[in-house]
């Protein structure tokens, strides 16, 4: 007899399934912790010094926060010149608690936060993507994400991505139901303009989510204005702040890992074209390519909705997320944004009309999650160069560009079963 008030386990999910999923999640977390500690011990260095473990946390979160709290200009380069160049000022308010503690304590807290946010991404993707967000499915998907290429990069490097993905999902899901919550999600996503700005454009001009976008942009703008007002004296006024931003952007463009030719992690269309051309695209050409992709994404969403489709349809979600990832600079860890579209396409057999097309897109979306051939460790051991290096490091980007083209074609053609 079941105890009064007890919630029965969903059909097909018993205690063994839950235990297995939880054990898998625990093993994934233990593996990440071991790799981070092993890296530090191997180098004989304290946390945060010349180590790739949590390097992005040190450079893009902790260092800038310490600079902000110490009254200096966080955009001047603390500890590296390009550490904060790609982030909106209100990131310093969102991540402020991490700057209040010593480095080791803050690093552990941030790594724990990233892991929890990754599990939250799994839960949101299942719940909002049409899946069953149970304990077993959430823990199981969370474990898979943590050992995937994007999930591992986020957890190991301390990237500012998981929180952006959660914000983007909230903005898309609640835009028409609860605009205020959607606005908060969009403001969070706008911390990283390369993801937040195209999201806002696709929501505003594609889906027509005006209220959520206006409120989100206003919230992010006010918070960033507060931060700018605080750091402006230390930056030397508006001119000094603009100059420091310019230096940061230039240092960012010169960095090996961000260059479209030498970099091994980029997944965007301009990087793919740069690999093919053997050099970075000229800035005007890159702008034209990005604008064309973003414009096509907007038109695809509008065409789908005009034909009677739903804004929550897997096709729309997939097109929005893929457009964000291929239109301009993105690294492999940002592919976490594809979790919900992948779940939605896996659940909805009618999403792209033909079964083969849906399965093809699903495979292309999952490719960056399993593509370890483009990792720095593998590339270093293989010693690849020339066309082999270009092929290996552009494979994920090519997969996403092809997936984007297929989904775009499905969105713009007449819809017979457009509703989810």
Protein backbone atom coordinates (compact mmCIF):
# COMPACT_ATOMS: atom_id res chain seq x y z
CA UNK A 1 0.00 0.00 0.00
CA UNK A 2 1.31 3.44 -0.93
CA UNK A 3 1.63 5.98 1.89
CA UNK A 4 -0.91 8.79 1.85
CA UNK A 5 0.31 11.78 -0.15
CA UNK A 6 3.09 9.83 -1.87
CA UNK A 7 3.65 10.63 -5.53
CA UNK A 8 3.75 7.50 -7.66
CA UNK A 9 6.74 7.04 -9.92
CA UNK A 10 6.00 7.72 -13.59
CA UNK A 11 5.38 4.60 -15.66
CA UNK A 12 8.66 3.09 -16.78
CA UNK A 13 10.70 4.81 -14.09
CA UNK A 14 11.26 2.81 -10.94
CA UNK A 15 13.86 2.94 -8.20
CA UNK A 16 16.58 1.19 -10.28
CA UNK A 17 16.25 3.76 -13.07
CA UNK A 18 16.53 6.62 -10.61
CA UNK A 19 19.53 5.11 -8.86
CA UNK A 20 21.28 4.41 -12.15
CA UNK A 21 20.74 7.99 -13.34
CA UNK A 22 21.93 9.45 -10.03
CA UNK A 23 25.03 7.23 -10.04
CA UNK A 24 25.79 8.35 -13.61
CA UNK A 25 25.42 11.99 -12.56
CA UNK A 26 27.67 11.46 -9.52
CA UNK A 27 30.32 9.78 -11.68
CA UNK A 28 30.21 12.62 -14.22
CA UNK A 29 30.70 15.19 -11.44
CA UNK A 30 33.50 13.14 -9.88
CA UNK A 31 35.26 12.88 -13.25
CA UNK A 32 35.17 16.65 -13.73
CA UNK A 33 36.48 17.26 -10.20
CA UNK A 34 39.28 14.74 -10.71
CA UNK A 35 40.35 16.27 -14.01
CA UNK A 36 40.48 19.77 -12.52
CA UNK A 37 42.48 18.68 -9.48
CA UNK A 38 44.76 16.50 -11.60
CA UNK A 39 45.55 19.42 -13.87
CA UNK A 40 46.49 21.63 -10.94
CA UNK A 41 48.63 18.94 -9.29
CA UNK A 42 50.33 18.09 -12.59
CA UNK A 43 51.40 21.70 -13.02
CA UNK A 44 52.22 22.16 -9.35
CA UNK A 45 50.25 25.38 -9.25
CA UNK A 46 47.60 26.83 -6.96
CA UNK A 47 44.10 27.25 -8.38
CA UNK A 48 43.74 29.93 -11.02
CA UNK A 49 47.42 30.30 -11.95
CA UNK A 50 48.51 29.26 -15.47
CA UNK A 51 46.03 26.42 -15.51
CA UNK A 52 43.21 25.74 -17.95
CA UNK A 53 41.03 24.53 -15.07
CA UNK A 54 38.49 27.35 -14.46
CA UNK A 55 40.62 29.71 -16.53
CA UNK A 56 37.60 31.57 -17.92
CA UNK A 57 36.18 31.99 -14.43
CA UNK A 58 39.46 33.53 -13.31
CA UNK A 59 39.68 35.86 -16.32
CA UNK A 60 36.07 36.73 -17.05
CA UNK A 61 34.39 36.58 -13.67
CA UNK A 62 36.68 36.68 -10.66
CA UNK A 63 39.36 39.05 -11.95
CA UNK A 64 36.90 41.67 -13.25
CA UNK A 65 34.82 41.42 -10.08
CA UNK A 66 37.89 42.03 -7.91
CA UNK A 67 38.80 44.99 -10.09
CA UNK A 68 35.26 46.35 -9.78
CA UNK A 69 35.28 45.98 -5.99
CA UNK A 70 38.74 47.53 -5.72
CA UNK A 71 37.59 50.62 -7.62
CA UNK A 72 39.64 50.12 -10.77
CA UNK A 73 38.53 49.76 -14.39
CA UNK A 74 37.59 46.09 -14.99
CA UNK A 75 37.73 46.64 -18.76
CA UNK A 76 41.38 47.70 -18.58
CA UNK A 77 42.52 44.07 -18.36
CA UNK A 78 42.38 42.28 -15.03
CA UNK A 79 44.07 39.86 -15.29
CA UNK A 80 44.24 39.75 -19.12
CA UNK A 81 43.52 42.48 -21.71
CA UNK A 82 40.52 40.83 -23.37
CA UNK A 83 38.94 39.27 -20.27
CA UNK A 84 35.77 41.38 -20.19
CA UNK A 85 35.70 42.86 -23.69
CA UNK A 86 32.86 40.65 -24.91
CA UNK A 87 30.51 41.14 -21.96
CA UNK A 88 27.95 43.79 -21.05
CA UNK A 89 28.69 45.81 -17.89
CA UNK A 90 25.82 44.33 -15.86
CA UNK A 91 27.69 41.03 -15.74
CA UNK A 92 29.56 42.64 -12.84
CA UNK A 93 26.32 42.87 -10.85
CA UNK A 94 25.12 39.37 -11.71
CA UNK A 95 28.41 37.75 -10.70
CA UNK A 96 29.22 40.12 -7.84
CA UNK A 97 28.88 37.49 -5.05
CA UNK A 98 31.81 35.52 -6.49
CA UNK A 99 34.12 38.50 -6.11
CA UNK A 100 33.42 38.82 -2.39
CA UNK A 101 35.28 35.63 -1.44
CA UNK A 102 38.84 34.40 -1.81
CA UNK A 103 39.71 32.80 -5.12
CA UNK A 104 39.58 29.15 -4.07
CA UNK A 105 36.24 29.54 -2.28
CA UNK A 106 34.79 31.50 -5.20
CA UNK A 107 36.10 28.96 -7.72
CA UNK A 108 34.47 26.05 -5.92
CA UNK A 109 31.22 28.01 -5.61
CA UNK A 110 31.23 28.93 -9.30
CA UNK A 111 32.06 25.40 -10.46
CA UNK A 112 29.22 24.08 -8.31
CA UNK A 113 26.89 26.72 -9.77
CA UNK A 114 27.81 25.74 -13.33
CA UNK A 115 27.12 22.06 -12.59
CA UNK A 116 23.75 22.90 -11.04
CA UNK A 117 22.87 25.16 -13.96
CA UNK A 118 23.77 22.38 -16.38
CA UNK A 119 21.36 20.06 -14.57
CA UNK A 120 18.80 22.89 -14.69
CA UNK A 121 19.29 23.10 -18.47
CA UNK A 122 18.52 19.39 -18.70
CA UNK A 123 15.34 19.84 -16.63
CA UNK A 124 14.17 22.89 -18.59
CA UNK A 125 14.90 21.22 -21.93
CA UNK A 126 12.88 18.17 -20.94
CA UNK A 127 10.02 20.14 -19.43
CA UNK A 128 9.74 22.76 -22.17
CA UNK A 129 10.88 20.54 -25.03
CA UNK A 130 8.06 18.06 -24.67
CA UNK A 131 9.94 15.42 -22.70
CA UNK A 132 9.35 13.98 -19.23
CA UNK A 133 11.31 15.95 -16.64
CA UNK A 134 11.51 13.22 -14.01
CA UNK A 135 14.32 12.56 -11.56
CA UNK A 136 15.79 9.82 -13.73
CA UNK A 137 15.55 11.66 -17.05
CA UNK A 138 16.88 14.91 -15.59
CA UNK A 139 19.80 13.27 -13.80
CA UNK A 140 20.56 11.08 -16.83
CA UNK A 141 20.50 13.95 -19.30
CA UNK A 142 22.45 16.11 -16.85
CA UNK A 143 25.16 13.44 -16.65
CA UNK A 144 25.36 13.21 -20.44
CA UNK A 145 25.65 16.98 -20.73
CA UNK A 146 28.46 17.17 -18.16
CA UNK A 147 30.58 14.65 -20.08
CA UNK A 148 29.72 16.12 -23.49
CA UNK A 149 32.15 18.45 -25.24
CA UNK A 150 30.22 21.70 -24.50
CA UNK A 151 29.23 20.64 -20.98
CA UNK A 152 32.73 19.62 -20.03
CA UNK A 153 34.21 22.84 -21.40
CA UNK A 154 31.74 24.89 -19.39
CA UNK A 155 32.39 23.02 -16.17
CA UNK A 156 36.16 22.75 -16.57
CA UNK A 157 36.92 26.21 -17.95
CA UNK A 158 34.25 28.06 -15.98
CA UNK A 159 32.71 29.63 -19.08
CA UNK A 160 29.89 32.15 -18.81
CA UNK A 161 27.41 30.08 -20.80
CA UNK A 162 25.11 27.92 -18.67
CA UNK A 163 23.50 30.99 -17.08
CA UNK A 164 23.03 32.54 -20.54
CA UNK A 165 21.30 29.41 -21.83
CA UNK A 166 18.93 29.33 -18.85
CA UNK A 167 18.10 33.00 -19.48
CA UNK A 168 17.51 32.38 -23.20
CA UNK A 169 15.20 29.45 -22.50
CA UNK A 170 13.22 31.52 -20.00
CA UNK A 171 12.92 34.40 -22.48
CA UNK A 172 11.62 32.13 -25.25
CA UNK A 173 9.24 30.13 -23.05
CA UNK A 174 7.65 32.94 -21.06
CA UNK A 175 7.64 35.73 -23.67
CA UNK A 176 3.88 35.50 -24.25
CA UNK A 177 2.78 33.97 -20.96
CA UNK A 178 4.76 36.00 -18.44
CA UNK A 179 6.61 38.86 -20.17
CA UNK A 180 8.22 40.08 -16.96
CA UNK A 181 9.89 36.71 -16.35
CA UNK A 182 10.88 36.53 -20.00
CA UNK A 183 12.39 40.01 -19.72
CA UNK A 184 14.49 38.89 -16.76
CA UNK A 185 15.71 35.92 -18.79
CA UNK A 186 16.57 38.13 -21.75
CA UNK A 187 18.42 40.60 -19.51
CA UNK A 188 20.46 37.67 -18.21
CA UNK A 189 21.20 36.46 -21.74
CA UNK A 190 22.28 39.99 -22.75
CA UNK A 191 25.28 39.63 -20.44
CA UNK A 192 26.83 37.94 -23.48
CA UNK A 193 25.82 40.21 -26.42
CA UNK A 194 26.89 37.66 -29.06
CA UNK A 195 24.02 35.50 -27.80
CA UNK A 196 21.64 38.00 -26.20
CA UNK A 197 21.43 40.49 -29.06
CA UNK A 198 20.50 38.01 -31.82
CA UNK A 199 18.05 36.40 -29.39
CA UNK A 200 16.40 39.79 -28.85
CA UNK A 201 16.27 40.47 -32.62
CA UNK A 202 14.73 37.07 -33.37
CA UNK A 203 12.18 37.50 -30.58
CA UNK A 204 11.27 41.05 -31.56
CA UNK A 205 11.23 40.92 -35.36
CA UNK A 206 10.61 37.20 -35.81
CA UNK A 207 8.24 36.07 -33.05
CA UNK A 208 6.84 39.52 -32.26
CA UNK A 209 7.59 39.36 -28.52
CA UNK A 210 7.68 43.15 -28.17
CA UNK A 211 6.84 43.57 -24.51
CA UNK A 212 9.32 40.98 -23.27
CA UNK A 213 12.10 42.36 -25.47
CA UNK A 214 11.50 46.00 -24.54
CA UNK A 215 11.38 45.20 -20.83
CA UNK A 216 14.44 42.95 -21.03
CA UNK A 217 16.50 45.45 -22.99
CA UNK A 218 15.46 48.24 -20.64
CA UNK A 219 16.39 46.19 -17.58
CA UNK A 220 19.78 45.24 -18.99
CA UNK A 221 20.39 48.82 -20.08
CA UNK A 222 19.60 50.31 -16.68
CA UNK A 223 21.78 47.78 -14.84
CA UNK A 224 24.67 48.33 -17.25
CA UNK A 225 24.29 52.10 -16.96
CA UNK A 226 24.62 51.81 -13.18
CA UNK A 227 27.85 49.84 -13.57
CA UNK A 228 29.25 52.28 -16.13
CA UNK A 229 28.49 55.22 -13.82
CA UNK A 230 30.46 53.49 -11.06
CA UNK A 231 33.53 52.59 -13.12
CA UNK A 232 33.65 55.71 -15.28
CA UNK A 233 35.90 57.77 -12.92
CA UNK A 234 38.43 54.94 -12.65
CA UNK A 235 38.34 54.46 -16.43
CA UNK A 236 39.22 58.10 -17.06
CA UNK A 237 35.84 59.17 -18.35
CA UNK A 238 33.97 58.09 -21.45
CA UNK A 239 37.05 58.37 -23.66
CA UNK A 240 39.12 56.22 -21.35
CA UNK A 241 36.43 53.56 -21.13
CA UNK A 242 36.00 53.45 -24.91
CA UNK A 243 39.77 53.20 -25.33
CA UNK A 244 40.03 50.31 -22.88
CA UNK A 245 37.16 48.53 -24.66
CA UNK A 246 38.95 49.01 -27.98
CA UNK A 247 42.18 47.52 -26.59
CA UNK A 248 40.23 44.57 -25.22
CA UNK A 249 38.49 43.89 -28.52
CA UNK A 250 41.77 44.11 -30.42
CA UNK A 251 43.48 41.72 -28.00
CA UNK A 252 40.50 39.41 -28.37
CA UNK A 253 40.80 39.39 -32.18
CA UNK A 254 44.53 38.61 -31.99
CA UNK A 255 44.16 35.68 -29.60
CA UNK A 256 44.91 32.29 -31.17
CA UNK A 257 41.85 30.56 -29.73
CA UNK A 258 39.44 33.19 -31.11
CA UNK A 259 40.97 33.53 -34.58
CA UNK A 260 38.81 31.73 -37.19
CA UNK A 261 41.84 30.11 -38.84
CA UNK A 262 44.01 29.12 -35.87
CA UNK A 263 41.19 28.60 -33.37
CA UNK A 264 39.96 25.09 -32.68
CA UNK A 265 36.67 25.80 -30.90
CA UNK A 266 34.64 28.14 -33.11
CA UNK A 267 31.35 26.85 -34.54
CA UNK A 268 29.96 29.92 -36.36
CA UNK A 269 29.56 30.42 -40.11
CA UNK A 270 32.19 33.22 -40.43
CA UNK A 271 34.73 30.87 -38.83
CA UNK A 272 33.82 28.09 -41.27
CA UNK A 273 34.23 30.49 -44.20
CA UNK A 274 37.51 31.71 -42.72
CA UNK A 275 38.81 28.14 -42.57
CA UNK A 276 37.86 27.64 -46.22
CA UNK A 277 39.48 30.94 -47.26
CA UNK A 278 42.56 30.34 -45.12
CA UNK A 279 42.25 33.74 -43.46
CA UNK A 280 39.80 35.72 -41.39
CA UNK A 281 37.03 37.37 -43.36
CA UNK A 282 37.34 41.16 -43.73
CA UNK A 283 35.15 42.88 -41.14
CA UNK A 284 32.67 44.26 -43.73
CA UNK A 285 32.25 40.79 -45.25
CA UNK A 286 31.78 39.24 -41.82
CA UNK A 287 29.11 41.82 -41.03
CA UNK A 288 27.30 41.10 -44.31
CA UNK A 289 27.39 37.35 -43.70
CA UNK A 290 26.13 37.72 -40.15
CA UNK A 291 23.38 40.15 -41.13
CA UNK A 292 22.28 37.82 -43.93
CA UNK A 293 22.05 34.83 -41.59
CA UNK A 294 20.22 36.79 -38.90
CA UNK A 295 17.83 38.29 -41.46
CA UNK A 296 17.11 34.86 -42.94
CA UNK A 297 16.41 33.51 -39.46
CA UNK A 298 13.96 36.32 -38.75
CA UNK A 299 12.19 35.80 -42.08
CA UNK A 300 12.04 32.04 -41.51
CA UNK A 301 10.35 32.50 -38.12
CA UNK A 302 7.91 35.06 -39.53
CA UNK A 303 7.03 32.83 -42.49
CA UNK A 304 6.41 29.84 -40.21
CA UNK A 305 4.14 31.83 -37.90
CA UNK A 306 2.29 33.43 -40.83
CA UNK A 307 1.52 29.95 -42.15
CA UNK A 308 -0.23 29.06 -38.88
CA UNK A 309 2.67 27.60 -36.92
CA UNK A 310 3.20 28.15 -33.20
CA UNK A 311 5.96 30.26 -31.64
CA UNK A 312 6.66 27.30 -29.34
CA UNK A 313 7.04 24.81 -32.20
CA UNK A 314 10.32 22.84 -32.31
CA UNK A 315 11.05 24.34 -35.74
CA UNK A 316 10.96 27.88 -34.34
CA UNK A 317 13.03 27.04 -31.27
CA UNK A 318 15.59 25.18 -33.37
CA UNK A 319 15.80 27.99 -35.94
CA UNK A 320 16.23 30.66 -33.24
CA UNK A 321 18.97 28.74 -31.41
CA UNK A 322 20.81 27.71 -34.58
CA UNK A 323 20.70 31.26 -35.98
CA UNK A 324 22.24 32.56 -32.74
CA UNK A 325 25.07 30.02 -32.97
CA UNK A 326 25.99 30.40 -36.63
CA UNK A 327 25.49 34.10 -37.39
CA UNK A 328 28.61 35.41 -35.58
CA UNK A 329 31.42 34.50 -33.18
CA UNK A 330 30.59 31.47 -31.04
CA UNK A 331 32.73 28.86 -29.33
CA UNK A 332 31.91 25.15 -28.94
CA UNK A 333 30.79 25.51 -25.32
CA UNK A 334 27.86 27.68 -26.44
CA UNK A 335 26.36 24.63 -28.18
CA UNK A 336 24.63 23.96 -24.84
CA UNK A 337 21.94 26.22 -26.29
CA UNK A 338 20.92 23.32 -28.53
CA UNK A 339 19.76 20.99 -25.76
CA UNK A 340 16.11 22.07 -25.79
CA UNK A 341 15.78 22.09 -29.61
CA UNK A 342 17.34 18.61 -29.71
CA UNK A 343 14.90 17.28 -27.10
CA UNK A 344 11.95 18.90 -28.88
CA UNK A 345 12.93 17.44 -32.27
CA UNK A 346 13.48 14.03 -30.72
CA UNK A 347 9.97 14.12 -29.24
CA UNK A 348 8.02 15.59 -32.16
CA UNK A 349 8.07 13.30 -35.19
CA UNK A 350 6.15 15.84 -37.29
CA UNK A 351 8.48 18.75 -36.53
CA UNK A 352 10.21 18.89 -39.93
CA UNK A 353 7.67 17.02 -41.99
CA UNK A 354 9.77 14.14 -43.25
CA UNK A 355 11.23 11.68 -40.74
CA UNK A 356 14.59 11.56 -42.47
CA UNK A 357 15.02 15.32 -42.30
CA UNK A 358 14.20 15.41 -38.60
CA UNK A 359 16.67 12.64 -37.80
CA UNK A 360 19.34 14.27 -39.95
CA UNK A 361 18.96 17.60 -38.14
CA UNK A 362 18.92 15.85 -34.78
CA UNK A 363 22.19 14.12 -35.62
CA UNK A 364 23.75 17.39 -36.77
CA UNK A 365 22.65 19.13 -33.54
CA UNK A 366 24.18 16.38 -31.43
CA UNK A 367 27.47 16.29 -33.35
CA UNK A 368 29.16 19.15 -31.41
CA UNK A 369 28.34 17.33 -28.17
CA UNK A 370 30.33 14.25 -29.15
CA UNK A 371 33.01 15.86 -31.31
CA UNK A 372 36.16 15.48 -29.25
CA UNK A 373 38.34 15.32 -32.38
CA UNK A 374 38.53 19.14 -32.32
CA UNK A 375 39.66 19.35 -28.70
CA UNK A 376 43.04 20.94 -28.02
CA UNK A 377 44.40 17.74 -26.43
CA UNK A 378 43.51 15.56 -29.42
CA UNK A 379 44.76 18.10 -31.95
CA UNK A 380 48.03 18.50 -30.04
CA UNK A 381 48.64 14.75 -30.01
CA UNK A 382 47.72 14.28 -33.65
CA UNK A 383 49.92 17.19 -34.62
CA UNK A 384 47.58 18.05 -37.45
CA UNK A 385 48.08 21.07 -39.64
CA UNK A 386 46.93 22.46 -42.96
CA UNK A 387 43.72 21.12 -44.44
CA UNK A 388 43.44 18.33 -41.82
CA UNK A 389 43.47 20.87 -39.02
CA UNK A 390 40.94 23.03 -40.86
CA UNK A 391 38.65 20.04 -41.44
CA UNK A 392 38.74 18.81 -37.86
CA UNK A 393 38.28 22.24 -36.31
CA UNK A 394 35.46 23.30 -38.62
CA UNK A 395 33.44 20.05 -38.53
CA UNK A 396 31.09 21.17 -35.75
CA UNK A 397 30.53 24.52 -37.43
CA UNK A 398 29.75 22.86 -40.75
CA UNK A 399 27.27 20.53 -39.02
CA UNK A 400 25.42 23.45 -37.45
CA UNK A 401 25.37 25.52 -40.66
CA UNK A 402 23.87 22.56 -42.55
CA UNK A 403 21.32 22.00 -39.77
CA UNK A 404 20.44 25.71 -39.86
CA UNK A 405 19.86 25.56 -43.62
CA UNK A 406 17.60 22.50 -43.33
CA UNK A 407 15.53 24.00 -40.51
CA UNK A 408 15.29 27.33 -42.34
CA UNK A 409 14.00 25.54 -45.45
CA UNK A 410 11.42 23.71 -43.34
CA UNK A 411 10.28 27.01 -41.79
CA UNK A 412 9.86 28.98 -45.00
CA UNK A 413 8.01 26.39 -47.06
CA UNK A 414 4.20 26.11 -46.68
CA UNK A 415 3.34 24.49 -43.34
CA UNK A 416 0.79 21.72 -43.14
CA UNK A 417 1.51 20.56 -39.61
CA UNK A 418 3.11 23.67 -38.19
CA UNK A 419 1.68 23.51 -34.73
CA UNK A 420 3.58 21.56 -32.09
